[in-house]
């Protein structure tokens, strides 16, 4: 599948991959910060943003989408930068095609299975009544019981097109069915990525724990780790200046250590 891409800048290709229920535009500030020096390609993963919808949705398929799209854009080899679901996609792309990935940065996710609680969120979104003329205020109120965090509701509602015929721009049903696979992780045991690799964790997040490091280093032997202060799971939102600083240091250093 050829994914929708948003490009800015010229130079070495840097690819940004968003998380679940997100889109390329969520990484716009990161893209703008890097564009003066790099060719920055932000992708909408399948069933997200303006990319096509499809029933099949798992990490091997999504990693193949990324590599196929970058081949079409003449964007390989590239540095892959992925947050959460995008981080798992980036990891598998690097493991599958290490020759195509110059370096890898994974933001607040590890190559392990999780239980994130995304299924109730998907159920709440699917239960939202899409009546003609539905307003953002009404949709927000309807989701408040299932999604009490106002910022999260605002993030989710970016995927809803309002007006006389409200509809989800994302493949919501496809995403909902895929959540067990997206919260899981499977990679062939014989794969390794030996390129420069950085895992950036939020200090206020428990997604990347010390006990995950053996699993990480088994797949990424050159992995290094940074913990970003004043940041939870959304490291690039909670501490944008810190995240961009770490990212630039990683991209510009010869040995890719921060």
C-alpha atoms as a PDB file:
ATOM      1  CA  UNK A   1       0.000   0.000   0.000  1.00  0.00           C
ATOM      2  CA  UNK A   2       1.227   3.492  -0.887  1.00  0.00           C
ATOM      3  CA  UNK A   3       0.673   5.744   2.123  1.00  0.00           C
ATOM      4  CA  UNK A   4      -0.200   9.417   2.185  1.00  0.00           C
ATOM      5  CA  UNK A   5       2.952  11.452   2.758  1.00  0.00           C
ATOM      6  CA  UNK A   6       3.617  15.027   3.856  1.00  0.00           C
ATOM      7  CA  UNK A   7       7.088  16.238   2.872  1.00  0.00           C
ATOM      8  CA  UNK A   8       9.222  19.211   3.859  1.00  0.00           C
ATOM      9  CA  UNK A   9      12.871  20.119   3.407  1.00  0.00           C
ATOM     10  CA  UNK A  10      15.762  18.596   1.496  1.00  0.00           C
ATOM     11  CA  UNK A  11      18.664  16.339   2.374  1.00  0.00           C
ATOM     12  CA  UNK A  12      18.960  12.986   4.119  1.00  0.00           C
ATOM     13  CA  UNK A  13      15.496  11.365   4.382  1.00  0.00           C
ATOM     14  CA  UNK A  14      13.987  11.366   7.863  1.00  0.00           C
ATOM     15  CA  UNK A  15      10.670   9.534   8.240  1.00  0.00           C
ATOM     16  CA  UNK A  16       8.114  10.262  10.981  1.00  0.00           C
ATOM     17  CA  UNK A  17       5.569   7.615  12.006  1.00  0.00           C
ATOM     18  CA  UNK A  18       2.681   8.518  14.322  1.00  0.00           C
ATOM     19  CA  UNK A  19       0.866   6.505  16.982  1.00  0.00           C
ATOM     20  CA  UNK A  20      -2.578   4.918  17.201  1.00  0.00           C
ATOM     21  CA  UNK A  21      -5.505   7.205  16.239  1.00  0.00           C
ATOM     22  CA  UNK A  22      -2.947   9.780  15.078  1.00  0.00           C
ATOM     23  CA  UNK A  23      -1.792  11.148  11.737  1.00  0.00           C
ATOM     24  CA  UNK A  24       1.214  12.714  10.082  1.00  0.00           C
ATOM     25  CA  UNK A  25       0.026  16.180  11.103  1.00  0.00           C
ATOM     26  CA  UNK A  26       0.472  15.283  14.791  1.00  0.00           C
ATOM     27  CA  UNK A  27       4.233  15.378  14.182  1.00  0.00           C
ATOM     28  CA  UNK A  28       4.111  18.682  12.308  1.00  0.00           C
ATOM     29  CA  UNK A  29       6.147  20.583  14.895  1.00  0.00           C
ATOM     30  CA  UNK A  30       8.894  17.951  14.757  1.00  0.00           C
ATOM     31  CA  UNK A  31       8.835  18.047  10.952  1.00  0.00           C
ATOM     32  CA  UNK A  32       9.160  21.836  10.892  1.00  0.00           C
ATOM     33  CA  UNK A  33      12.070  21.713  13.341  1.00  0.00           C
ATOM     34  CA  UNK A  34      13.992  19.226  11.178  1.00  0.00           C
ATOM     35  CA  UNK A  35      13.087  20.512   7.696  1.00  0.00           C
ATOM     36  CA  UNK A  36      15.825  23.187   7.497  1.00  0.00           C
ATOM     37  CA  UNK A  37      18.439  20.420   7.449  1.00  0.00           C
ATOM     38  CA  UNK A  38      16.711  17.212   6.334  1.00  0.00           C
ATOM     39  CA  UNK A  39      14.128  15.886   3.890  1.00  0.00           C
ATOM     40  CA  UNK A  40      11.384  15.042   6.388  1.00  0.00           C
ATOM     41  CA  UNK A  41       8.644  12.647   5.288  1.00  0.00           C
ATOM     42  CA  UNK A  42       5.688  12.251   7.646  1.00  0.00           C
ATOM     43  CA  UNK A  43       3.449   9.306   6.774  1.00  0.00           C
ATOM     44  CA  UNK A  44      -0.161   8.472   7.580  1.00  0.00           C
ATOM     45  CA  UNK A  45      -0.140   4.766   8.435  1.00  0.00           C
ATOM     46  CA  UNK A  46      -2.864   2.587   6.932  1.00  0.00           C
ATOM     47  CA  UNK A  47      -6.390   3.280   8.215  1.00  0.00           C
ATOM     48  CA  UNK A  48      -5.164   6.649   9.529  1.00  0.00           C
ATOM     49  CA  UNK A  49      -5.181  10.188   8.175  1.00  0.00           C
ATOM     50  CA  UNK A  50      -5.502  10.346   4.402  1.00  0.00           C
ATOM     51  CA  UNK A  51      -4.042   6.883   3.735  1.00  0.00           C
ATOM     52  CA  UNK A  52      -6.169   4.052   2.312  1.00  0.00           C
ATOM     53  CA  UNK A  53      -8.240   1.778   4.519  1.00  0.00           C
ATOM     54  CA  UNK A  54      -7.811  -1.996   4.549  1.00  0.00           C
ATOM     55  CA  UNK A  55      -8.955  -4.895   6.721  1.00  0.00           C
ATOM     56  CA  UNK A  56      -5.448  -6.266   7.209  1.00  0.00           C
ATOM     57  CA  UNK A  57      -3.622  -4.334   9.921  1.00  0.00           C
ATOM     58  CA  UNK A  58      -0.593  -5.733  11.728  1.00  0.00           C
ATOM     59  CA  UNK A  59       3.018  -4.733  12.086  1.00  0.00           C
ATOM     60  CA  UNK A  60       4.463  -6.832   9.219  1.00  0.00           C
ATOM     61  CA  UNK A  61       1.879  -5.296   6.875  1.00  0.00           C
ATOM     62  CA  UNK A  62       2.410  -1.766   8.181  1.00  0.00           C
ATOM     63  CA  UNK A  63       6.198  -2.042   7.997  1.00  0.00           C
ATOM     64  CA  UNK A  64       5.848  -3.258   4.402  1.00  0.00           C
ATOM     65  CA  UNK A  65       3.624  -0.236   3.644  1.00  0.00           C
ATOM     66  CA  UNK A  66       6.298   2.125   4.934  1.00  0.00           C
ATOM     67  CA  UNK A  67       9.089   0.500   2.943  1.00  0.00           C
ATOM     68  CA  UNK A  68       6.965   0.327  -0.237  1.00  0.00           C
ATOM     69  CA  UNK A  69       5.995   3.996   0.087  1.00  0.00           C
ATOM     70  CA  UNK A  70       9.557   5.145   0.701  1.00  0.00           C
ATOM     71  CA  UNK A  71      10.745   3.119  -2.290  1.00  0.00           C
ATOM     72  CA  UNK A  72       8.117   4.880  -4.405  1.00  0.00           C
ATOM     73  CA  UNK A  73       9.288   8.262  -3.061  1.00  0.00           C
ATOM     74  CA  UNK A  74      12.968   7.440  -3.620  1.00  0.00           C
ATOM     75  CA  UNK A  75      13.409   7.926   0.115  1.00  0.00           C
ATOM     76  CA  UNK A  76      15.642   4.980   1.066  1.00  0.00           C
ATOM     77  CA  UNK A  77      17.794   4.527   2.991  1.00  0.00           C
ATOM     78  CA  UNK A  78      16.114   6.657   5.638  1.00  0.00           C
ATOM     79  CA  UNK A  79      16.221   7.356   9.336  1.00  0.00           C
ATOM     80  CA  UNK A  80      12.986   6.116  10.920  1.00  0.00           C
ATOM     81  CA  UNK A  81      11.441   7.999  13.849  1.00  0.00           C
ATOM     82  CA  UNK A  82       8.353   6.322  15.324  1.00  0.00           C
ATOM     83  CA  UNK A  83       6.140   7.032  18.308  1.00  0.00           C
ATOM     84  CA  UNK A  84       4.173   4.230  20.019  1.00  0.00           C
ATOM     85  CA  UNK A  85       2.426   2.239  17.242  1.00  0.00           C
ATOM     86  CA  UNK A  86       4.663   4.065  14.779  1.00  0.00           C
ATOM     87  CA  UNK A  87       7.649   3.015  16.869  1.00  0.00           C
ATOM     88  CA  UNK A  88       6.724  -0.653  16.604  1.00  0.00           C
ATOM     89  CA  UNK A  89       6.212  -0.223  12.871  1.00  0.00           C
ATOM     90  CA  UNK A  90       9.625   1.434  12.565  1.00  0.00           C
ATOM     91  CA  UNK A  91      11.277  -1.325  14.604  1.00  0.00           C
ATOM     92  CA  UNK A  92       9.895  -4.071  12.394  1.00  0.00           C
ATOM     93  CA  UNK A  93      10.821  -2.184   9.218  1.00  0.00           C
ATOM     94  CA  UNK A  94      14.399  -1.899  10.496  1.00  0.00           C
ATOM     95  CA  UNK A  95      14.506  -5.562  11.472  1.00  0.00           C
ATOM     96  CA  UNK A  96      13.070  -6.629   8.118  1.00  0.00           C
ATOM     97  CA  UNK A  97      15.198  -4.349   5.936  1.00  0.00           C
ATOM     98  CA  UNK A  98      18.243  -3.167   7.895  1.00  0.00           C
ATOM     99  CA  UNK A  99      19.865  -2.007   4.657  1.00  0.00           C
ATOM    100  CA  UNK A 100      16.986   0.439   4.134  1.00  0.00           C
ATOM    101  CA  UNK A 101      17.216   2.095   7.582  1.00  0.00           C
ATOM    102  CA  UNK A 102      20.175   4.368   8.299  1.00  0.00           C
ATOM    103  CA  UNK A 103      19.233   4.817  11.961  1.00  0.00           C
ATOM    104  CA  UNK A 104      16.253   4.297  14.223  1.00  0.00           C
ATOM    105  CA  UNK A 105      14.639   6.332  16.991  1.00  0.00           C
ATOM    106  CA  UNK A 106      11.774   4.761  18.944  1.00  0.00           C
ATOM    107  CA  UNK A 107       9.670   7.065  21.104  1.00  0.00           C
ATOM    108  CA  UNK A 108       8.179   5.566  24.273  1.00  0.00           C
ATOM    109  CA  UNK A 109       7.470   2.011  23.217  1.00  0.00           C
ATOM    110  CA  UNK A 110       9.341  -1.297  23.488  1.00  0.00           C
ATOM    111  CA  UNK A 111       9.269  -4.502  21.422  1.00  0.00           C
ATOM    112  CA  UNK A 112       6.924  -6.220  23.866  1.00  0.00           C
ATOM    113  CA  UNK A 113       3.190  -6.845  24.205  1.00  0.00           C
ATOM    114  CA  UNK A 114       1.064  -4.381  26.159  1.00  0.00           C
ATOM    115  CA  UNK A 115      -2.473  -3.939  27.418  1.00  0.00           C
ATOM    116  CA  UNK A 116      -3.069  -0.241  26.735  1.00  0.00           C
ATOM    117  CA  UNK A 117      -6.848  -0.074  27.195  1.00  0.00           C
ATOM    118  CA  UNK A 118      -7.451   1.011  23.604  1.00  0.00           C
ATOM    119  CA  UNK A 119     -10.345  -1.390  23.009  1.00  0.00           C
ATOM    120  CA  UNK A 120     -12.786   0.576  25.238  1.00  0.00           C
ATOM    121  CA  UNK A 121     -11.745   3.774  23.453  1.00  0.00           C
ATOM    122  CA  UNK A 122     -12.433   2.242  20.058  1.00  0.00           C
ATOM    123  CA  UNK A 123     -15.795   0.956  21.305  1.00  0.00           C
ATOM    124  CA  UNK A 124     -16.730   4.424  22.543  1.00  0.00           C
ATOM    125  CA  UNK A 125     -15.835   5.986  19.208  1.00  0.00           C
ATOM    126  CA  UNK A 126     -17.842   3.406  17.310  1.00  0.00           C
ATOM    127  CA  UNK A 127     -20.832   3.950  19.610  1.00  0.00           C
ATOM    128  CA  UNK A 128     -20.874   7.705  18.949  1.00  0.00           C
ATOM    129  CA  UNK A 129     -24.067   8.556  17.065  1.00  0.00           C
ATOM    130  CA  UNK A 130     -23.120  10.396  13.889  1.00  0.00           C
ATOM    131  CA  UNK A 131     -26.293  12.436  13.469  1.00  0.00           C
ATOM    132  CA  UNK A 132     -26.504  15.131  10.768  1.00  0.00           C
ATOM    133  CA  UNK A 133     -25.174  18.417  12.092  1.00  0.00           C
ATOM    134  CA  UNK A 134     -23.272  16.810  14.960  1.00  0.00           C
ATOM    135  CA  UNK A 135     -21.049  19.427  16.601  1.00  0.00           C
ATOM    136  CA  UNK A 136     -17.642  18.994  18.181  1.00  0.00           C
ATOM    137  CA  UNK A 137     -19.071  20.140  21.508  1.00  0.00           C
ATOM    138  CA  UNK A 138     -21.805  17.490  21.411  1.00  0.00           C
ATOM    139  CA  UNK A 139     -19.385  14.766  20.348  1.00  0.00           C
ATOM    140  CA  UNK A 140     -16.985  15.740  23.120  1.00  0.00           C
ATOM    141  CA  UNK A 141     -19.780  15.567  25.691  1.00  0.00           C
ATOM    142  CA  UNK A 142     -20.911  12.168  24.415  1.00  0.00           C
ATOM    143  CA  UNK A 143     -17.395  10.738  24.800  1.00  0.00           C
ATOM    144  CA  UNK A 144     -16.700  12.256  28.217  1.00  0.00           C
ATOM    145  CA  UNK A 145     -17.909   9.232  30.165  1.00  0.00           C
ATOM    146  CA  UNK A 146     -15.723   6.728  28.321  1.00  0.00           C
ATOM    147  CA  UNK A 147     -12.768   9.077  27.724  1.00  0.00           C
ATOM    148  CA  UNK A 148     -12.538  11.384  30.759  1.00  0.00           C
ATOM    149  CA  UNK A 149      -9.303  13.084  29.685  1.00  0.00           C
ATOM    150  CA  UNK A 150     -10.246  16.215  27.720  1.00  0.00           C
ATOM    151  CA  UNK A 151      -6.950  16.337  25.816  1.00  0.00           C
ATOM    152  CA  UNK A 152      -7.385  12.749  24.697  1.00  0.00           C
ATOM    153  CA  UNK A 153     -10.932  13.471  23.519  1.00  0.00           C
ATOM    154  CA  UNK A 154      -9.669  16.436  21.530  1.00  0.00           C
ATOM    155  CA  UNK A 155      -6.983  14.260  19.959  1.00  0.00           C
ATOM    156  CA  UNK A 156      -9.473  11.543  19.028  1.00  0.00           C
ATOM    157  CA  UNK A 157     -12.004  13.993  17.617  1.00  0.00           C
ATOM    158  CA  UNK A 158      -9.436  15.254  15.115  1.00  0.00           C
ATOM    159  CA  UNK A 159     -10.387  12.112  13.206  1.00  0.00           C
ATOM    160  CA  UNK A 160     -14.070  13.051  12.934  1.00  0.00           C
ATOM    161  CA  UNK A 161     -15.385  15.090  10.003  1.00  0.00           C
ATOM    162  CA  UNK A 162     -18.323  17.236  11.151  1.00  0.00           C
ATOM    163  CA  UNK A 163     -21.160  18.783   9.159  1.00  0.00           C
ATOM    164  CA  UNK A 164     -24.318  17.478   7.563  1.00  0.00           C
ATOM    165  CA  UNK A 165     -22.808  14.030   7.066  1.00  0.00           C
ATOM    166  CA  UNK A 166     -20.442  13.381   9.960  1.00  0.00           C
ATOM    167  CA  UNK A 167     -18.028  10.517   9.394  1.00  0.00           C
ATOM    168  CA  UNK A 168     -14.716   9.146  10.616  1.00  0.00           C
ATOM    169  CA  UNK A 169     -11.837   9.811   8.254  1.00  0.00           C
ATOM    170  CA  UNK A 170      -9.952   6.896   9.829  1.00  0.00           C
ATOM    171  CA  UNK A 171     -10.767   3.240   9.244  1.00  0.00           C
ATOM    172  CA  UNK A 172     -12.293   2.955  12.697  1.00  0.00           C
ATOM    173  CA  UNK A 173     -13.796  -0.509  12.323  1.00  0.00           C
ATOM    174  CA  UNK A 174     -10.540  -1.852  10.887  1.00  0.00           C
ATOM    175  CA  UNK A 175      -8.515  -0.278  13.694  1.00  0.00           C
ATOM    176  CA  UNK A 176     -10.863  -1.653  16.357  1.00  0.00           C
ATOM    177  CA  UNK A 177     -10.479  -5.190  15.034  1.00  0.00           C
ATOM    178  CA  UNK A 178      -6.702  -4.812  14.886  1.00  0.00           C
ATOM    179  CA  UNK A 179      -6.111  -3.535  18.422  1.00  0.00           C
ATOM    180  CA  UNK A 180      -5.051  -6.936  19.856  1.00  0.00           C
ATOM    181  CA  UNK A 181      -2.404  -7.191  17.130  1.00  0.00           C
ATOM    182  CA  UNK A 182      -1.351  -3.562  17.596  1.00  0.00           C
ATOM    183  CA  UNK A 183      -0.936  -3.977  21.341  1.00  0.00           C
ATOM    184  CA  UNK A 184       1.021  -7.185  20.765  1.00  0.00           C
ATOM    185  CA  UNK A 185       4.441  -7.787  19.296  1.00  0.00           C
ATOM    186  CA  UNK A 186       5.874 -10.608  17.252  1.00  0.00           C
ATOM    187  CA  UNK A 187       9.169 -10.604  15.385  1.00  0.00           C
ATOM    188  CA  UNK A 188      11.155 -13.533  13.974  1.00  0.00           C
ATOM    189  CA  UNK A 189      13.803 -14.518  16.487  1.00  0.00           C
ATOM    190  CA  UNK A 190      16.626 -14.464  13.925  1.00  0.00           C
ATOM    191  CA  UNK A 191      16.204 -10.799  12.953  1.00  0.00           C
ATOM    192  CA  UNK A 192      18.551  -8.082  14.215  1.00  0.00           C
ATOM    193  CA  UNK A 193      19.072  -4.419  13.399  1.00  0.00           C
ATOM    194  CA  UNK A 194      22.670  -3.395  14.006  1.00  0.00           C
ATOM    195  CA  UNK A 195      22.375   0.262  13.065  1.00  0.00           C
ATOM    196  CA  UNK A 196      22.378   3.228  15.451  1.00  0.00           C
ATOM    197  CA  UNK A 197      19.282   3.027  17.640  1.00  0.00           C
ATOM    198  CA  UNK A 198      17.884   5.310  20.326  1.00  0.00           C
ATOM    199  CA  UNK A 199      14.931   4.630  22.615  1.00  0.00           C
ATOM    200  CA  UNK A 200      13.436   7.822  24.094  1.00  0.00           C
ATOM    201  CA  UNK A 201      11.174   7.257  27.095  1.00  0.00           C
ATOM    202  CA  UNK A 202       9.042   9.723  29.012  1.00  0.00           C
ATOM    203  CA  UNK A 203      10.051  10.068  32.662  1.00  0.00           C
ATOM    204  CA  UNK A 204       6.373   9.999  33.633  1.00  0.00           C
ATOM    205  CA  UNK A 205       5.571   6.980  31.442  1.00  0.00           C
ATOM    206  CA  UNK A 206       5.913   3.274  32.210  1.00  0.00           C
ATOM    207  CA  UNK A 207       5.926   2.090  28.593  1.00  0.00           C
ATOM    208  CA  UNK A 208       9.692   1.543  28.449  1.00  0.00           C
ATOM    209  CA  UNK A 209      10.914  -0.043  31.671  1.00  0.00           C
ATOM    210  CA  UNK A 210      14.373  -1.224  32.743  1.00  0.00           C
ATOM    211  CA  UNK A 211      13.215  -4.838  32.501  1.00  0.00           C
ATOM    212  CA  UNK A 212      12.484  -4.293  28.788  1.00  0.00           C
ATOM    213  CA  UNK A 213      16.127  -3.596  28.006  1.00  0.00           C
ATOM    214  CA  UNK A 214      17.228  -7.224  27.491  1.00  0.00           C
ATOM    215  CA  UNK A 215      14.459  -7.716  24.909  1.00  0.00           C
ATOM    216  CA  UNK A 216      15.432  -4.445  23.224  1.00  0.00           C
ATOM    217  CA  UNK A 217      19.140  -5.217  23.086  1.00  0.00           C
ATOM    218  CA  UNK A 218      18.486  -8.739  21.773  1.00  0.00           C
ATOM    219  CA  UNK A 219      16.971  -7.143  18.661  1.00  0.00           C
ATOM    220  CA  UNK A 220      18.878  -3.839  18.602  1.00  0.00           C
ATOM    221  CA  UNK A 221      22.402  -4.476  19.932  1.00  0.00           C
ATOM    222  CA  UNK A 222      23.470  -0.832  19.505  1.00  0.00           C
ATOM    223  CA  UNK A 223      20.458   0.528  21.383  1.00  0.00           C
ATOM    224  CA  UNK A 224      20.961   3.527  23.647  1.00  0.00           C
ATOM    225  CA  UNK A 225      18.402   4.989  26.048  1.00  0.00           C
ATOM    226  CA  UNK A 226      17.306   8.500  26.992  1.00  0.00           C
ATOM    227  CA  UNK A 227      14.638   9.450  29.520  1.00  0.00           C
ATOM    228  CA  UNK A 228      12.979  12.784  28.806  1.00  0.00           C
ATOM    229  CA  UNK A 229      12.061  14.890  31.823  1.00  0.00           C
ATOM    230  CA  UNK A 230       8.550  16.284  32.284  1.00  0.00           C
ATOM    231  CA  UNK A 231       7.128  13.922  29.672  1.00  0.00           C
ATOM    232  CA  UNK A 232       4.659  11.063  29.710  1.00  0.00           C
ATOM    233  CA  UNK A 233       3.867   8.741  26.814  1.00  0.00           C
ATOM    234  CA  UNK A 234       3.414  11.680  24.426  1.00  0.00           C
ATOM    235  CA  UNK A 235       7.055  12.704  24.681  1.00  0.00           C
ATOM    236  CA  UNK A 236       7.020  14.984  21.621  1.00  0.00           C
ATOM    237  CA  UNK A 237       3.957  16.850  22.954  1.00  0.00           C
ATOM    238  CA  UNK A 238       4.806  16.996  26.659  1.00  0.00           C
ATOM    239  CA  UNK A 239       8.399  18.166  26.173  1.00  0.00           C
ATOM    240  CA  UNK A 240       8.705  19.282  22.538  1.00  0.00           C
ATOM    241  CA  UNK A 241      11.932  21.250  22.931  1.00  0.00           C
ATOM    242  CA  UNK A 242      13.607  18.418  24.804  1.00  0.00           C
ATOM    243  CA  UNK A 243      12.452  15.820  22.280  1.00  0.00           C
ATOM    244  CA  UNK A 244      13.639  17.832  19.287  1.00  0.00           C
ATOM    245  CA  UNK A 245      16.983  18.509  20.990  1.00  0.00           C
ATOM    246  CA  UNK A 246      17.547  14.790  21.615  1.00  0.00           C
ATOM    247  CA  UNK A 247      16.400  13.949  18.094  1.00  0.00           C
ATOM    248  CA  UNK A 248      18.713  16.471  16.439  1.00  0.00           C
ATOM    249  CA  UNK A 249      21.651  15.281  18.502  1.00  0.00           C
ATOM    250  CA  UNK A 250      20.972  11.690  17.500  1.00  0.00           C
ATOM    251  CA  UNK A 251      20.575  12.488  13.817  1.00  0.00           C
ATOM    252  CA  UNK A 252      23.643  14.688  13.569  1.00  0.00           C
ATOM    253  CA  UNK A 253      26.167  12.717  15.622  1.00  0.00           C
ATOM    254  CA  UNK A 254      28.532  10.336  13.854  1.00  0.00           C
ATOM    255  CA  UNK A 255      27.993   7.477  16.245  1.00  0.00           C
ATOM    256  CA  UNK A 256      24.305   8.444  16.747  1.00  0.00           C
ATOM    257  CA  UNK A 257      24.568   8.557  20.511  1.00  0.00           C
ATOM    258  CA  UNK A 258      22.778  11.482  22.182  1.00  0.00           C
END
